[in-house]
Amino acid sequence: MSSEAYWVFAYGSLIWDPGFPFIDRHRAVVHGYHRRFCLYSHRYRGTPDLPGLVLGLDRGGCCQGVAYQVAPAESAAVREYLWAREMSNNAYRPVIVPARLEGGARVPVQTFVISPDHPQYAGRLPADLTARLIASSHGERGSNQAYLENTADHLTELGIHDAAMLKLVRQVRQLIAHEGTVARPPVPQVSPIGF
């Protein structure tokens, strides 16, 4: 068992639903990746016929999120939990990257970055298509809109301003307000694997 603390970087649902014990948390930033709705969801926030979108860390830029510090005695169990949660369909790659904590300290953090060669990778979709998919998708864990808004709300509570996320919330709300049942755009057919 390692005597060093294990750090986990959260950029999406792990911010508001970590599901594991931690001893501390800090706002943090990682460089080389940015938060994006870039993974089709066929299970949690959509279906194979009507896929939704979930967040991934995609290449380029930087991302503000949360770094959780896990006690050494809990690190093995937390790793096991994270692999079961994040690696069920291999859409992400587990990586250790440097993060800068709010107070300036630098720590290595475990995070999960999107695999661009995965069949469910959506890449950079136009903003209107992203909004339509999110506004019209539901899966096992609820609506895609709730996933978006939970993430945006918790980022705001943490004092993290993500202008793209806030703009997407407004777009989705406007679509639903104006159309009620939002018309589904066509999306590429990919084999459902998970998420």
Protein backbone atom coordinates (compact mmCIF):
# COMPACT_ATOMS: atom_id res chain seq x y z
CA MET A 1 0.00 0.00 0.00
CA SER A 2 1.33 3.41 -0.97
CA SER A 3 1.88 6.01 1.75
CA GLU A 4 1.29 8.86 -0.70
CA ALA A 5 -2.05 10.54 -1.20
CA TYR A 6 -3.89 9.72 -4.41
CA TRP A 7 -5.38 12.70 -6.26
CA VAL A 8 -8.30 12.49 -8.69
CA PHE A 9 -9.19 15.29 -11.12
CA ALA A 10 -12.90 15.79 -11.81
CA TYR A 11 -14.20 17.82 -14.75
CA GLY A 12 -17.79 16.54 -15.17
CA SER A 13 -20.11 14.35 -13.12
CA LEU A 14 -17.35 13.43 -10.67
CA ILE A 15 -17.58 17.05 -9.46
CA TRP A 16 -21.18 16.63 -8.27
CA ASP A 17 -21.29 12.86 -7.82
CA PRO A 18 -17.82 11.55 -6.93
CA GLY A 19 -19.06 8.37 -5.28
CA PHE A 20 -15.82 7.78 -3.37
CA PRO A 21 -14.39 8.94 -0.02
CA PHE A 22 -11.92 11.82 -0.03
CA ILE A 23 -10.11 13.77 2.65
CA ASP A 24 -9.85 17.11 0.86
CA ARG A 25 -10.79 18.84 -2.36
CA HIS A 26 -9.50 21.92 -4.16
CA ARG A 27 -10.25 23.81 -7.31
CA ALA A 28 -7.57 22.83 -9.80
CA VAL A 29 -6.49 23.30 -13.39
CA VAL A 30 -4.87 20.89 -15.83
CA HIS A 31 -3.23 21.93 -19.07
CA GLY A 32 -3.26 20.12 -22.41
CA TYR A 33 -6.96 19.14 -22.23
CA HIS A 34 -10.33 20.86 -22.20
CA ARG A 35 -13.84 19.84 -21.16
CA ARG A 36 -16.17 19.04 -24.10
CA PHE A 37 -19.38 17.17 -24.82
CA CYS A 38 -17.63 14.75 -27.14
CA LEU A 39 -18.83 11.24 -26.26
CA TYR A 40 -22.12 9.79 -27.48
CA SER A 41 -24.06 8.27 -24.59
CA HIS A 42 -26.07 5.16 -25.44
CA ARG A 43 -26.95 4.23 -21.89
CA TYR A 44 -26.60 6.77 -19.07
CA ARG A 45 -27.90 9.90 -20.89
CA GLY A 46 -29.26 8.45 -24.11
CA THR A 47 -30.07 5.24 -25.93
CA PRO A 48 -28.55 3.48 -28.95
CA ASP A 49 -31.37 4.87 -31.13
CA LEU A 50 -31.36 8.34 -29.53
CA PRO A 51 -27.85 8.97 -28.21
CA GLY A 52 -27.08 11.79 -25.84
CA LEU A 53 -23.73 13.39 -25.12
CA VAL A 54 -21.47 13.25 -22.07
CA LEU A 55 -18.31 15.11 -21.21
CA GLY A 56 -14.77 14.07 -21.89
CA LEU A 57 -11.38 15.70 -21.58
CA ASP A 58 -10.32 16.31 -25.16
CA ARG A 59 -6.90 17.40 -26.39
CA GLY A 60 -5.80 21.03 -26.26
CA GLY A 61 -6.31 24.01 -23.99
CA CYS A 62 -6.83 23.77 -20.26
CA CYS A 63 -9.58 22.71 -17.89
CA GLN A 64 -10.63 23.96 -14.47
CA GLY A 65 -12.21 21.40 -12.19
CA VAL A 66 -11.80 19.76 -8.80
CA ALA A 67 -8.89 17.75 -7.41
CA TYR A 68 -9.92 15.26 -4.73
CA GLN A 69 -7.32 14.03 -2.28
CA VAL A 70 -7.85 10.39 -1.33
CA ALA A 71 -6.33 8.90 1.80
CA PRO A 72 -3.58 6.33 1.11
CA ALA A 73 -5.60 3.61 2.84
CA GLU A 74 -8.49 4.23 0.43
CA SER A 75 -6.53 4.63 -2.81
CA ALA A 76 -6.77 1.02 -4.03
CA ALA A 77 -10.53 0.88 -3.48
CA VAL A 78 -11.02 4.28 -5.14
CA ARG A 79 -8.96 3.21 -8.17
CA GLU A 80 -11.06 0.07 -8.47
CA TYR A 81 -14.27 2.13 -8.25
CA LEU A 82 -13.06 4.65 -10.86
CA TRP A 83 -12.04 1.91 -13.30
CA ALA A 84 -15.47 0.29 -12.97
CA ARG A 85 -17.19 3.66 -13.48
CA GLU A 86 -15.03 5.27 -16.17
CA MET A 87 -13.48 2.36 -18.06
CA SER A 88 -16.49 0.11 -18.65
CA ASN A 89 -16.37 0.67 -22.42
CA ASN A 90 -12.81 1.96 -22.87
CA ALA A 91 -13.94 5.33 -24.23
CA TYR A 92 -11.45 7.00 -21.89
CA ARG A 93 -7.74 6.54 -21.24
CA PRO A 94 -6.60 6.74 -17.62
CA VAL A 95 -3.70 9.19 -17.29
CA ILE A 96 -1.74 10.90 -14.56
CA VAL A 97 -1.20 14.58 -15.35
CA PRO A 98 0.11 17.53 -13.35
CA ALA A 99 -2.51 19.83 -11.83
CA ARG A 100 -2.15 23.21 -10.17
CA LEU A 101 -4.30 23.56 -7.08
CA GLU A 102 -6.06 26.78 -6.16
CA GLY A 103 -3.34 27.74 -3.66
CA GLY A 104 -0.56 27.19 -6.21
CA ALA A 105 0.65 23.72 -5.20
CA ARG A 106 1.25 21.22 -7.97
CA VAL A 107 0.17 17.60 -7.63
CA PRO A 108 -0.10 14.60 -9.97
CA VAL A 109 -3.77 13.76 -10.56
CA GLN A 110 -5.53 10.72 -11.95
CA THR A 111 -7.99 11.64 -14.67
CA PHE A 112 -9.61 10.11 -17.72
CA VAL A 113 -9.18 11.59 -21.20
CA ILE A 114 -11.26 10.75 -24.23
CA SER A 115 -10.00 8.18 -26.74
CA PRO A 116 -10.52 9.83 -30.14
CA ASP A 117 -10.45 6.46 -31.92
CA HIS A 118 -13.37 5.11 -29.87
CA PRO A 119 -16.56 4.46 -31.94
CA GLN A 120 -18.64 6.70 -29.64
CA TYR A 121 -16.26 9.68 -29.90
CA ALA A 122 -18.27 12.59 -31.29
CA GLY A 123 -15.42 15.05 -31.76
CA ARG A 124 -16.17 18.75 -32.11
CA LEU A 125 -19.86 18.99 -32.97
CA PRO A 126 -21.53 22.23 -34.03
CA ALA A 127 -23.04 24.06 -31.05
CA ASP A 128 -26.62 23.79 -32.36
CA LEU A 129 -26.31 20.02 -32.85
CA THR A 130 -24.82 19.59 -29.36
CA ALA A 131 -27.70 21.57 -27.84
CA ARG A 132 -30.34 19.57 -29.76
CA LEU A 133 -28.87 16.23 -28.74
CA ILE A 134 -28.72 17.25 -25.09
CA ALA A 135 -32.23 18.77 -25.14
CA SER A 136 -33.80 15.61 -26.56
CA SER A 137 -31.92 12.78 -24.81
CA HIS A 138 -32.70 10.63 -21.78
CA GLY A 139 -31.02 7.50 -20.45
CA GLU A 140 -30.82 5.22 -17.42
CA ARG A 141 -29.51 8.02 -15.20
CA GLY A 142 -31.94 10.70 -16.36
CA SER A 143 -32.07 13.49 -18.86
CA ASN A 144 -29.05 14.78 -20.70
CA GLN A 145 -30.21 18.28 -19.75
CA ALA A 146 -29.97 17.41 -16.02
CA TYR A 147 -26.39 16.17 -16.53
CA LEU A 148 -25.47 19.43 -18.28
CA GLU A 149 -27.16 21.63 -15.68
CA ASN A 150 -25.74 19.73 -12.69
CA THR A 151 -22.25 20.20 -14.08
CA ALA A 152 -22.79 23.89 -14.91
CA ASP A 153 -24.38 24.63 -11.52
CA HIS A 154 -21.57 22.98 -9.57
CA LEU A 155 -18.89 24.74 -11.61
CA THR A 156 -20.60 28.05 -10.82
CA GLU A 157 -20.82 27.15 -7.10
CA LEU A 158 -17.08 26.51 -7.13
CA GLY A 159 -16.43 29.89 -8.73
CA ILE A 160 -15.34 28.32 -12.03
CA HIS A 161 -16.61 30.34 -14.97
CA ASP A 162 -17.09 28.09 -18.01
CA ALA A 163 -18.63 30.40 -20.61
CA ALA A 164 -19.18 27.60 -23.15
CA MET A 165 -21.04 25.48 -20.59
CA LEU A 166 -23.27 28.39 -19.52
CA LYS A 167 -24.03 29.25 -23.15
CA LEU A 168 -24.98 25.60 -23.80
CA VAL A 169 -27.35 25.65 -20.80
CA ARG A 170 -29.09 28.73 -22.27
CA GLN A 171 -29.31 27.12 -25.73
CA VAL A 172 -30.83 23.91 -24.37
CA ARG A 173 -33.37 25.80 -22.25
CA GLN A 174 -34.35 27.98 -25.22
CA LEU A 175 -34.85 24.95 -27.45
CA ILE A 176 -37.08 23.26 -24.89
CA ALA A 177 -39.02 26.47 -24.19
CA HIS A 178 -39.65 27.15 -27.87
CA GLU A 179 -40.18 23.62 -29.16
CA GLY A 180 -41.38 21.60 -26.18
CA THR A 181 -40.44 18.25 -27.66
CA VAL A 182 -37.15 19.02 -29.38
CA ALA A 183 -36.76 17.60 -32.88
CA ARG A 184 -33.94 15.08 -33.07
CA PRO A 185 -31.16 15.75 -35.55
CA PRO A 186 -29.66 12.81 -37.41
CA VAL A 187 -26.54 11.42 -35.72
CA PRO A 188 -23.99 8.94 -37.03
CA GLN A 189 -24.79 5.30 -36.24
CA VAL A 190 -22.12 3.76 -34.05
CA SER A 191 -22.11 0.47 -32.24
CA PRO A 192 -23.41 0.83 -28.69
CA ILE A 193 -20.76 -0.21 -26.19
CA GLY A 194 -21.77 1.56 -23.00
CA PHE A 195 -22.16 4.95 -21.28
